[in-house]
Amino acid sequence: MNKRVLLPTDFSKNSWNAISYAIELFDKEACDFYVLHAYTPSTQITENLMASQLGLPQLDELKEASAAGLKKLSRQLAFRDESTQHRFHYISEYSFLTEAIANVCRDKDIDLVIMGTKGATDAIDVLLGGNTLAVMEKIRCCPVLAIPKSAIFGRMEEIVFPTSFREGYKKQQMHHLTTMAHLCKAPIRVLHISEEPLDSDQKNQKKLLTTMLQGVEHSFHLLENVDIPTGLNCFVQSRDSSMVAFINPKHGIFSNWFRRPLARELNYHSKVPVLTLHTES
């Protein structure tokens, strides 16, 4: 069965870069790409008031602009992609972005969401952008891969998987991670940052993780006497890692790691895509 990948777009250079990255990533795979443009008024209004406050002429304009943008994008992709195993489908939806993505993920049984990021600074909360962070936190039915604007697909050196050994690993999470490792032909580097020795529960979780990663090249790494953002930053930067994969609990890692003030501490010029795995739907 073909992989089903959702590509949200706002017709920006960042989203085009993410689409190009996705095509290269799945170059040898049979894949259905669903290109989604969700459009809403630019004014800040609530979901309940959105339809009632938007006049029909303005709605028609937004709908036409969305359709025109997707038509232009389809022409660009027809020129860009050479794989006979790739099929593109275009969806225009009058909805907020996270709602539109959730609808398509459900209706099309999406395997992976790949989207670009926004932001002109290096701080990862700004780098990822509010829309991308919202999608990474709220879309829990499948993994989300965020592609920084400077990321260029190439040889994949390794996927860094930071963990506390307390996540309670699930088969589906690890399947998504190992599938990405096989797709990228990249080893997984499990990174633990702590000042304390592993307790008995953490040791058991490490054994479980070792079992789940069988069949994929992997190794375990420990950093001590450093805070998590700095340690992760140094590890990724010094090793020229190609991707970072996180498990995002429902009440999450992004609320703690990717928002101020910790976000400022990451502060690296990121070319590294971020893969989000979830604990529950």
C-alpha atoms as a PDB file:
ATOM      1  CA  MET A   1       0.000   0.000   0.000  1.00  0.00           C
ATOM      2  CA  ASN A   2       1.200   3.486  -0.834  1.00  0.00           C
ATOM      3  CA  LYS A   3       2.345   5.747   1.961  1.00  0.00           C
ATOM      4  CA  ARG A   4      -0.056   8.609   2.541  1.00  0.00           C
ATOM      5  CA  VAL A   5       1.655  11.893   3.381  1.00  0.00           C
ATOM      6  CA  LEU A   6      -0.076  15.185   4.131  1.00  0.00           C
ATOM      7  CA  LEU A   7       1.659  18.381   3.000  1.00  0.00           C
ATOM      8  CA  PRO A   8       0.046  21.540   4.408  1.00  0.00           C
ATOM      9  CA  THR A   9       0.960  24.636   2.427  1.00  0.00           C
ATOM     10  CA  ASP A  10       0.511  28.375   2.693  1.00  0.00           C
ATOM     11  CA  PHE A  11       2.260  28.845  -0.694  1.00  0.00           C
ATOM     12  CA  SER A  12       5.346  30.254   1.028  1.00  0.00           C
ATOM     13  CA  LYS A  13       8.968  29.396   0.267  1.00  0.00           C
ATOM     14  CA  ASN A  14       9.106  27.533   3.566  1.00  0.00           C
ATOM     15  CA  SER A  15       6.210  25.249   2.683  1.00  0.00           C
ATOM     16  CA  TRP A  16       7.629  24.676  -0.816  1.00  0.00           C
ATOM     17  CA  ASN A  17      10.929  23.651   0.783  1.00  0.00           C
ATOM     18  CA  ALA A  18       9.062  21.168   3.005  1.00  0.00           C
ATOM     19  CA  ILE A  19       7.259  19.709  -0.020  1.00  0.00           C
ATOM     20  CA  SER A  20      10.556  19.349  -1.890  1.00  0.00           C
ATOM     21  CA  TYR A  21      12.074  17.675   1.169  1.00  0.00           C
ATOM     22  CA  ALA A  22       9.152  15.232   1.347  1.00  0.00           C
ATOM     23  CA  ILE A  23       9.512  14.295  -2.329  1.00  0.00           C
ATOM     24  CA  GLU A  24      13.221  13.588  -1.850  1.00  0.00           C
ATOM     25  CA  LEU A  25      12.590  11.666   1.374  1.00  0.00           C
ATOM     26  CA  PHE A  26      10.109   9.352  -0.362  1.00  0.00           C
ATOM     27  CA  ASP A  27      12.009   9.281  -3.646  1.00  0.00           C
ATOM     28  CA  LYS A  28      12.075   5.464  -3.817  1.00  0.00           C
ATOM     29  CA  GLU A  29       8.671   4.894  -2.202  1.00  0.00           C
ATOM     30  CA  ALA A  30       5.199   4.630  -3.676  1.00  0.00           C
ATOM     31  CA  CYS A  31       3.436   7.570  -2.116  1.00  0.00           C
ATOM     32  CA  ASP A  32       0.211   9.550  -2.247  1.00  0.00           C
ATOM     33  CA  PHE A  33       0.855  13.178  -1.326  1.00  0.00           C
ATOM     34  CA  TYR A  34      -2.130  15.209  -0.160  1.00  0.00           C
ATOM     35  CA  VAL A  35      -1.386  18.911  -0.567  1.00  0.00           C
ATOM     36  CA  LEU A  36      -3.642  20.909   1.737  1.00  0.00           C
ATOM     37  CA  HIS A  37      -4.359  24.617   1.811  1.00  0.00           C
ATOM     38  CA  ALA A  38      -6.559  25.770   4.687  1.00  0.00           C
ATOM     39  CA  TYR A  39      -7.850  29.305   4.386  1.00  0.00           C
ATOM     40  CA  THR A  40      -9.494  31.602   6.909  1.00  0.00           C
ATOM     41  CA  PRO A  41      -9.905  35.375   7.302  1.00  0.00           C
ATOM     42  CA  SER A  42      -6.752  37.166   8.308  1.00  0.00           C
ATOM     43  CA  THR A  43      -8.500  38.873  11.214  1.00  0.00           C
ATOM     44  CA  GLN A  44      -8.351  37.298  14.651  1.00  0.00           C
ATOM     45  CA  ILE A  45     -11.799  35.917  15.307  1.00  0.00           C
ATOM     46  CA  THR A  46     -13.038  32.889  17.137  1.00  0.00           C
ATOM     47  CA  GLU A  47     -14.018  29.652  15.455  1.00  0.00           C
ATOM     48  CA  ASN A  48     -17.674  30.110  16.365  1.00  0.00           C
ATOM     49  CA  LEU A  49     -17.801  33.581  14.846  1.00  0.00           C
ATOM     50  CA  MET A  50     -15.691  32.857  11.787  1.00  0.00           C
ATOM     51  CA  ALA A  51     -18.483  31.916   9.427  1.00  0.00           C
ATOM     52  CA  SER A  52     -20.991  34.480  10.647  1.00  0.00           C
ATOM     53  CA  GLN A  53     -18.614  37.437  10.379  1.00  0.00           C
ATOM     54  CA  LEU A  54     -17.253  36.574   6.961  1.00  0.00           C
ATOM     55  CA  GLY A  55     -19.286  37.929   4.084  1.00  0.00           C
ATOM     56  CA  LEU A  56     -19.934  35.807   1.010  1.00  0.00           C
ATOM     57  CA  PRO A  57     -17.889  38.002  -1.389  1.00  0.00           C
ATOM     58  CA  GLN A  58     -14.848  37.720   0.860  1.00  0.00           C
ATOM     59  CA  LEU A  59     -15.376  33.974   1.220  1.00  0.00           C
ATOM     60  CA  ASP A  60     -15.525  33.625  -2.565  1.00  0.00           C
ATOM     61  CA  GLU A  61     -12.288  35.578  -2.904  1.00  0.00           C
ATOM     62  CA  LEU A  62     -10.527  33.352  -0.381  1.00  0.00           C
ATOM     63  CA  LYS A  63     -11.842  30.221  -2.082  1.00  0.00           C
ATOM     64  CA  GLU A  64     -10.713  31.405  -5.516  1.00  0.00           C
ATOM     65  CA  ALA A  65      -7.281  32.402  -4.224  1.00  0.00           C
ATOM     66  CA  SER A  66      -6.854  29.001  -2.585  1.00  0.00           C
ATOM     67  CA  ALA A  67      -7.840  27.160  -5.755  1.00  0.00           C
ATOM     68  CA  ALA A  68      -5.541  29.327  -7.874  1.00  0.00           C
ATOM     69  CA  GLY A  69      -2.642  28.756  -5.484  1.00  0.00           C
ATOM     70  CA  LEU A  70      -3.100  24.992  -5.580  1.00  0.00           C
ATOM     71  CA  LYS A  71      -3.360  25.026  -9.374  1.00  0.00           C
ATOM     72  CA  LYS A  72      -0.082  26.930  -9.621  1.00  0.00           C
ATOM     73  CA  LEU A  73       1.517  24.552  -7.143  1.00  0.00           C
ATOM     74  CA  SER A  74       0.312  21.534  -9.136  1.00  0.00           C
ATOM     75  CA  ARG A  75       2.071  22.898 -12.219  1.00  0.00           C
ATOM     76  CA  GLN A  76       5.274  23.405 -10.247  1.00  0.00           C
ATOM     77  CA  LEU A  77       5.100  19.884  -8.855  1.00  0.00           C
ATOM     78  CA  ALA A  78       4.394  18.380 -12.266  1.00  0.00           C
ATOM     79  CA  PHE A  79       7.680  19.908 -13.384  1.00  0.00           C
ATOM     80  CA  ARG A  80       9.517  19.160 -10.130  1.00  0.00           C
ATOM     81  CA  ASP A  81       8.736  15.504  -9.422  1.00  0.00           C
ATOM     82  CA  GLU A  82      10.029  12.748 -11.707  1.00  0.00           C
ATOM     83  CA  SER A  83       8.911   9.688  -9.744  1.00  0.00           C
ATOM     84  CA  THR A  84       6.237   7.573 -11.375  1.00  0.00           C
ATOM     85  CA  GLN A  85       5.411   6.213  -7.905  1.00  0.00           C
ATOM     86  CA  HIS A  86       4.197   9.581  -6.630  1.00  0.00           C
ATOM     87  CA  ARG A  87       0.619  10.801  -6.916  1.00  0.00           C
ATOM     88  CA  PHE A  88      -0.531  14.244  -5.825  1.00  0.00           C
ATOM     89  CA  HIS A  89      -3.974  15.193  -4.572  1.00  0.00           C
ATOM     90  CA  TYR A  90      -5.013  18.769  -3.839  1.00  0.00           C
ATOM     91  CA  ILE A  91      -7.379  19.849  -1.075  1.00  0.00           C
ATOM     92  CA  SER A  92      -8.687  23.334  -0.375  1.00  0.00           C
ATOM     93  CA  GLU A  93     -10.554  23.712   2.900  1.00  0.00           C
ATOM     94  CA  TYR A  94     -12.198  26.656   4.602  1.00  0.00           C
ATOM     95  CA  SER A  95     -11.075  25.921   8.138  1.00  0.00           C
ATOM     96  CA  PHE A  96      -8.464  26.621  10.749  1.00  0.00           C
ATOM     97  CA  LEU A  97      -5.215  24.803   9.998  1.00  0.00           C
ATOM     98  CA  THR A  98      -5.195  22.242  12.814  1.00  0.00           C
ATOM     99  CA  GLU A  99      -8.857  21.406  12.203  1.00  0.00           C
ATOM    100  CA  ALA A 100      -8.274  20.971   8.471  1.00  0.00           C
ATOM    101  CA  ILE A 101      -5.242  18.747   9.080  1.00  0.00           C
ATOM    102  CA  ALA A 102      -7.170  16.626  11.584  1.00  0.00           C
ATOM    103  CA  ASN A 103     -10.002  16.179   9.061  1.00  0.00           C
ATOM    104  CA  VAL A 104      -7.693  15.076   6.257  1.00  0.00           C
ATOM    105  CA  CYS A 105      -5.696  12.784   8.547  1.00  0.00           C
ATOM    106  CA  ARG A 106      -8.926  11.055   9.537  1.00  0.00           C
ATOM    107  CA  ASP A 107     -10.529  10.928   6.091  1.00  0.00           C
ATOM    108  CA  LYS A 108      -7.408   9.843   4.182  1.00  0.00           C
ATOM    109  CA  ASP A 109      -5.790   7.706   6.907  1.00  0.00           C
ATOM    110  CA  ILE A 110      -2.605   9.778   6.741  1.00  0.00           C
ATOM    111  CA  ASP A 111       0.689   8.151   7.796  1.00  0.00           C
ATOM    112  CA  LEU A 112       2.773  11.303   8.221  1.00  0.00           C
ATOM    113  CA  VAL A 113       2.361  15.094   8.168  1.00  0.00           C
ATOM    114  CA  ILE A 114       5.296  17.056   6.743  1.00  0.00           C
ATOM    115  CA  MET A 115       5.211  20.831   6.978  1.00  0.00           C
ATOM    116  CA  GLY A 116       7.515  23.793   6.834  1.00  0.00           C
ATOM    117  CA  THR A 117       8.356  26.224   9.570  1.00  0.00           C
ATOM    118  CA  LYS A 118       8.362  29.961   9.873  1.00  0.00           C
ATOM    119  CA  GLY A 119      10.527  32.529  11.567  1.00  0.00           C
ATOM    120  CA  ALA A 120      13.570  34.621  10.857  1.00  0.00           C
ATOM    121  CA  THR A 121      15.396  33.927  14.135  1.00  0.00           C
ATOM    122  CA  ASP A 122      17.165  30.877  15.485  1.00  0.00           C
ATOM    123  CA  ALA A 123      15.070  30.413  18.624  1.00  0.00           C
ATOM    124  CA  ILE A 124      13.233  27.167  18.066  1.00  0.00           C
ATOM    125  CA  ASP A 125       9.837  28.465  19.229  1.00  0.00           C
ATOM    126  CA  VAL A 126      10.053  31.246  16.649  1.00  0.00           C
ATOM    127  CA  LEU A 127      11.776  28.962  14.151  1.00  0.00           C
ATOM    128  CA  LEU A 128       8.966  26.437  14.277  1.00  0.00           C
ATOM    129  CA  GLY A 129       6.272  29.092  14.292  1.00  0.00           C
ATOM    130  CA  GLY A 130       2.956  29.158  16.092  1.00  0.00           C
ATOM    131  CA  ASN A 131       1.083  27.154  13.447  1.00  0.00           C
ATOM    132  CA  THR A 132       3.700  24.412  13.338  1.00  0.00           C
ATOM    133  CA  LEU A 133       3.878  24.115  17.116  1.00  0.00           C
ATOM    134  CA  ALA A 134       0.087  23.905  17.291  1.00  0.00           C
ATOM    135  CA  VAL A 135       0.041  21.105  14.731  1.00  0.00           C
ATOM    136  CA  MET A 136       2.857  19.230  16.490  1.00  0.00           C
ATOM    137  CA  GLU A 137       0.986  19.434  19.785  1.00  0.00           C
ATOM    138  CA  LYS A 138      -2.605  18.856  18.641  1.00  0.00           C
ATOM    139  CA  ILE A 139      -2.347  16.408  15.736  1.00  0.00           C
ATOM    140  CA  ARG A 140      -1.806  13.167  17.577  1.00  0.00           C
ATOM    141  CA  CYS A 141      -3.105  10.552  15.137  1.00  0.00           C
ATOM    142  CA  CYS A 142       0.188  10.362  13.229  1.00  0.00           C
ATOM    143  CA  PRO A 143       3.741  11.731  13.435  1.00  0.00           C
ATOM    144  CA  VAL A 144       4.496  15.294  12.346  1.00  0.00           C
ATOM    145  CA  LEU A 145       7.790  16.187  10.676  1.00  0.00           C
ATOM    146  CA  ALA A 146       8.702  19.884  10.787  1.00  0.00           C
ATOM    147  CA  ILE A 147      11.209  21.050   8.178  1.00  0.00           C
ATOM    148  CA  PRO A 148      13.193  24.232   8.955  1.00  0.00           C
ATOM    149  CA  LYS A 149      13.472  26.669   6.092  1.00  0.00           C
ATOM    150  CA  SER A 150      17.221  26.063   5.732  1.00  0.00           C
ATOM    151  CA  ALA A 151      16.961  22.254   5.671  1.00  0.00           C
ATOM    152  CA  ILE A 152      18.157  20.573   2.488  1.00  0.00           C
ATOM    153  CA  PHE A 153      17.612  16.871   1.975  1.00  0.00           C
ATOM    154  CA  GLY A 154      20.825  14.922   1.587  1.00  0.00           C
ATOM    155  CA  ARG A 155      22.756  12.098   3.172  1.00  0.00           C
ATOM    156  CA  MET A 156      21.161  11.300   6.529  1.00  0.00           C
ATOM    157  CA  GLU A 157      23.882  10.859   9.119  1.00  0.00           C
ATOM    158  CA  GLU A 158      21.770   9.964  12.151  1.00  0.00           C
ATOM    159  CA  ILE A 159      18.487  10.507  13.976  1.00  0.00           C
ATOM    160  CA  VAL A 160      18.871  11.748  17.547  1.00  0.00           C
ATOM    161  CA  PHE A 161      16.265  10.434  19.968  1.00  0.00           C
ATOM    162  CA  PRO A 162      16.470  12.262  23.327  1.00  0.00           C
ATOM    163  CA  THR A 163      14.757  10.406  26.152  1.00  0.00           C
ATOM    164  CA  SER A 164      14.475  10.336  29.928  1.00  0.00           C
ATOM    165  CA  PHE A 165      13.773   6.564  29.897  1.00  0.00           C
ATOM    166  CA  ARG A 166      10.471   7.350  31.581  1.00  0.00           C
ATOM    167  CA  GLU A 167       8.212   7.734  28.560  1.00  0.00           C
ATOM    168  CA  GLY A 168       6.649   4.269  28.584  1.00  0.00           C
ATOM    169  CA  TYR A 169       7.471   3.416  24.969  1.00  0.00           C
ATOM    170  CA  LYS A 170       4.672   2.140  22.763  1.00  0.00           C
ATOM    171  CA  LYS A 171       5.031  -0.177  19.777  1.00  0.00           C
ATOM    172  CA  GLN A 172       3.381   2.288  17.402  1.00  0.00           C
ATOM    173  CA  GLN A 173       5.723   5.116  18.429  1.00  0.00           C
ATOM    174  CA  MET A 174       8.797   2.996  17.914  1.00  0.00           C
ATOM    175  CA  HIS A 175       7.414   1.657  14.644  1.00  0.00           C
ATOM    176  CA  HIS A 176       7.160   5.234  13.359  1.00  0.00           C
ATOM    177  CA  LEU A 177      10.709   5.944  14.547  1.00  0.00           C
ATOM    178  CA  THR A 178      12.258   2.803  13.076  1.00  0.00           C
ATOM    179  CA  THR A 179      10.312   3.285   9.843  1.00  0.00           C
ATOM    180  CA  MET A 180      11.832   6.759   9.523  1.00  0.00           C
ATOM    181  CA  ALA A 181      15.292   5.319  10.254  1.00  0.00           C
ATOM    182  CA  HIS A 182      14.865   2.710   7.519  1.00  0.00           C
ATOM    183  CA  LEU A 183      13.537   5.323   5.113  1.00  0.00           C
ATOM    184  CA  CYS A 184      16.483   7.629   5.786  1.00  0.00           C
ATOM    185  CA  LYS A 185      18.973   4.749   6.020  1.00  0.00           C
ATOM    186  CA  ALA A 186      20.161   6.395   9.223  1.00  0.00           C
ATOM    187  CA  PRO A 187      21.112   5.007  12.640  1.00  0.00           C
ATOM    188  CA  ILE A 188      19.273   6.106  15.782  1.00  0.00           C
ATOM    189  CA  ARG A 189      21.315   7.756  18.539  1.00  0.00           C
ATOM    190  CA  VAL A 190      19.482   7.515  21.863  1.00  0.00           C
ATOM    191  CA  LEU A 191      20.478  10.484  24.004  1.00  0.00           C
ATOM    192  CA  HIS A 192      19.959  10.662  27.769  1.00  0.00           C
ATOM    193  CA  ILE A 193      20.830  13.866  29.635  1.00  0.00           C
ATOM    194  CA  SER A 194      20.892  13.593  33.411  1.00  0.00           C
ATOM    195  CA  GLU A 195      22.940  14.205  36.524  1.00  0.00           C
ATOM    196  CA  GLU A 196      21.534  11.143  38.302  1.00  0.00           C
ATOM    197  CA  PRO A 197      22.193   7.423  37.690  1.00  0.00           C
ATOM    198  CA  LEU A 198      19.338   5.458  36.141  1.00  0.00           C
ATOM    199  CA  ASP A 199      16.917   4.033  38.673  1.00  0.00           C
ATOM    200  CA  SER A 200      15.396   0.545  38.327  1.00  0.00           C
ATOM    201  CA  ASP A 201      12.382   1.781  36.324  1.00  0.00           C
ATOM    202  CA  GLN A 202      14.609   3.680  33.898  1.00  0.00           C
ATOM    203  CA  LYS A 203      16.851   0.632  33.466  1.00  0.00           C
ATOM    204  CA  ASN A 204      13.803  -1.463  32.602  1.00  0.00           C
ATOM    205  CA  GLN A 205      12.626   1.130  30.102  1.00  0.00           C
ATOM    206  CA  LYS A 206      16.085   1.178  28.520  1.00  0.00           C
ATOM    207  CA  LYS A 207      15.933  -2.602  28.102  1.00  0.00           C
ATOM    208  CA  LEU A 208      12.473  -2.293  26.549  1.00  0.00           C
ATOM    209  CA  LEU A 209      13.711   0.381  24.154  1.00  0.00           C
ATOM    210  CA  THR A 210      16.686  -1.800  23.195  1.00  0.00           C
ATOM    211  CA  THR A 211      14.285  -4.588  22.280  1.00  0.00           C
ATOM    212  CA  MET A 212      12.054  -2.256  20.261  1.00  0.00           C
ATOM    213  CA  LEU A 213      15.007  -0.920  18.277  1.00  0.00           C
ATOM    214  CA  GLN A 214      16.201  -4.352  17.184  1.00  0.00           C
ATOM    215  CA  GLY A 215      16.807  -4.467  13.462  1.00  0.00           C
ATOM    216  CA  VAL A 216      17.897  -0.820  13.334  1.00  0.00           C
ATOM    217  CA  GLU A 217      21.430   0.389  13.953  1.00  0.00           C
ATOM    218  CA  HIS A 218      21.375   2.310  17.220  1.00  0.00           C
ATOM    219  CA  SER A 219      23.540   3.369  20.134  1.00  0.00           C
ATOM    220  CA  PHE A 220      23.078   4.933  23.568  1.00  0.00           C
ATOM    221  CA  HIS A 221      24.699   8.180  24.666  1.00  0.00           C
ATOM    222  CA  LEU A 222      24.849   9.928  28.055  1.00  0.00           C
ATOM    223  CA  LEU A 223      25.525  13.579  28.790  1.00  0.00           C
ATOM    224  CA  GLU A 224      26.008  14.767  32.365  1.00  0.00           C
ATOM    225  CA  ASN A 225      26.309  18.100  34.144  1.00  0.00           C
ATOM    226  CA  VAL A 226      24.474  20.020  31.435  1.00  0.00           C
ATOM    227  CA  ASP A 227      20.902  21.217  31.064  1.00  0.00           C
ATOM    228  CA  ILE A 228      18.729  19.473  28.491  1.00  0.00           C
ATOM    229  CA  PRO A 229      18.468  22.236  25.844  1.00  0.00           C
ATOM    230  CA  THR A 230      22.209  22.950  25.890  1.00  0.00           C
ATOM    231  CA  GLY A 231      23.091  19.262  25.887  1.00  0.00           C
ATOM    232  CA  LEU A 232      20.808  18.492  22.974  1.00  0.00           C
ATOM    233  CA  ASN A 233      22.074  21.498  21.064  1.00  0.00           C
ATOM    234  CA  CYS A 234      25.725  20.557  21.538  1.00  0.00           C
ATOM    235  CA  PHE A 235      25.139  16.912  20.672  1.00  0.00           C
ATOM    236  CA  VAL A 236      23.277  17.683  17.440  1.00  0.00           C
ATOM    237  CA  GLN A 237      25.640  20.444  16.390  1.00  0.00           C
ATOM    238  CA  SER A 238      28.898  18.640  17.159  1.00  0.00           C
ATOM    239  CA  ARG A 239      27.845  15.448  15.363  1.00  0.00           C
ATOM    240  CA  ASP A 240      26.125  17.109  12.400  1.00  0.00           C
ATOM    241  CA  SER A 241      22.993  15.068  13.157  1.00  0.00           C
ATOM    242  CA  SER A 242      20.296  14.983  10.483  1.00  0.00           C
ATOM    243  CA  MET A 243      17.055  14.787  12.478  1.00  0.00           C
ATOM    244  CA  VAL A 244      15.738  14.980  16.027  1.00  0.00           C
ATOM    245  CA  ALA A 245      12.810  12.776  17.089  1.00  0.00           C
ATOM    246  CA  PHE A 246      10.763  13.444  20.230  1.00  0.00           C
ATOM    247  CA  ILE A 247       8.017  11.662  22.076  1.00  0.00           C
ATOM    248  CA  ASN A 248       5.518  14.387  22.895  1.00  0.00           C
ATOM    249  CA  PRO A 249       3.300  13.510  25.884  1.00  0.00           C
ATOM    250  CA  LYS A 250      -0.228  14.809  25.825  1.00  0.00           C
ATOM    251  CA  HIS A 251       0.621  17.549  28.281  1.00  0.00           C
ATOM    252  CA  GLY A 252       3.834  18.011  26.820  1.00  0.00           C
ATOM    253  CA  ILE A 253       7.347  18.287  25.983  1.00  0.00           C
ATOM    254  CA  PHE A 254       6.762  21.263  23.704  1.00  0.00           C
ATOM    255  CA  SER A 255       5.114  23.261  26.461  1.00  0.00           C
ATOM    256  CA  ASN A 256       8.308  22.755  28.469  1.00  0.00           C
ATOM    257  CA  TRP A 257      11.086  22.595  25.889  1.00  0.00           C
ATOM    258  CA  PHE A 258      10.027  24.680  22.930  1.00  0.00           C
ATOM    259  CA  ARG A 259       8.573  27.703  24.620  1.00  0.00           C
ATOM    260  CA  ARG A 260      10.247  30.507  26.479  1.00  0.00           C
ATOM    261  CA  PRO A 261      12.468  30.611  28.400  1.00  0.00           C
ATOM    262  CA  LEU A 262      13.952  27.217  27.426  1.00  0.00           C
ATOM    263  CA  ALA A 263      13.488  27.934  23.741  1.00  0.00           C
ATOM    264  CA  ARG A 264      16.000  30.758  23.919  1.00  0.00           C
ATOM    265  CA  GLU A 265      18.603  28.361  25.242  1.00  0.00           C
ATOM    266  CA  LEU A 266      18.411  26.138  22.174  1.00  0.00           C
ATOM    267  CA  ASN A 267      19.197  29.094  19.985  1.00  0.00           C
ATOM    268  CA  TYR A 268      21.092  27.221  17.282  1.00  0.00           C
ATOM    269  CA  HIS A 269      20.923  27.882  13.579  1.00  0.00           C
ATOM    270  CA  SER A 270      18.861  24.795  12.905  1.00  0.00           C
ATOM    271  CA  LYS A 271      18.961  22.852   9.693  1.00  0.00           C
ATOM    272  CA  VAL A 272      17.612  19.817  11.511  1.00  0.00           C
ATOM    273  CA  PRO A 273      14.068  18.531  10.914  1.00  0.00           C
ATOM    274  CA  VAL A 274      12.080  17.667  14.032  1.00  0.00           C
ATOM    275  CA  LEU A 275       9.935  14.507  14.115  1.00  0.00           C
ATOM    276  CA  THR A 276       7.161  14.443  16.706  1.00  0.00           C
ATOM    277  CA  LEU A 277       5.871  11.132  18.040  1.00  0.00           C
ATOM    278  CA  HIS A 278       2.891  10.995  20.373  1.00  0.00           C
ATOM    279  CA  THR A 279       1.915   8.983  23.427  1.00  0.00           C
ATOM    280  CA  GLU A 280      -1.809   8.866  22.663  1.00  0.00           C
ATOM    281  CA  SER A 281      -4.416  10.043  20.179  1.00  0.00           C
END
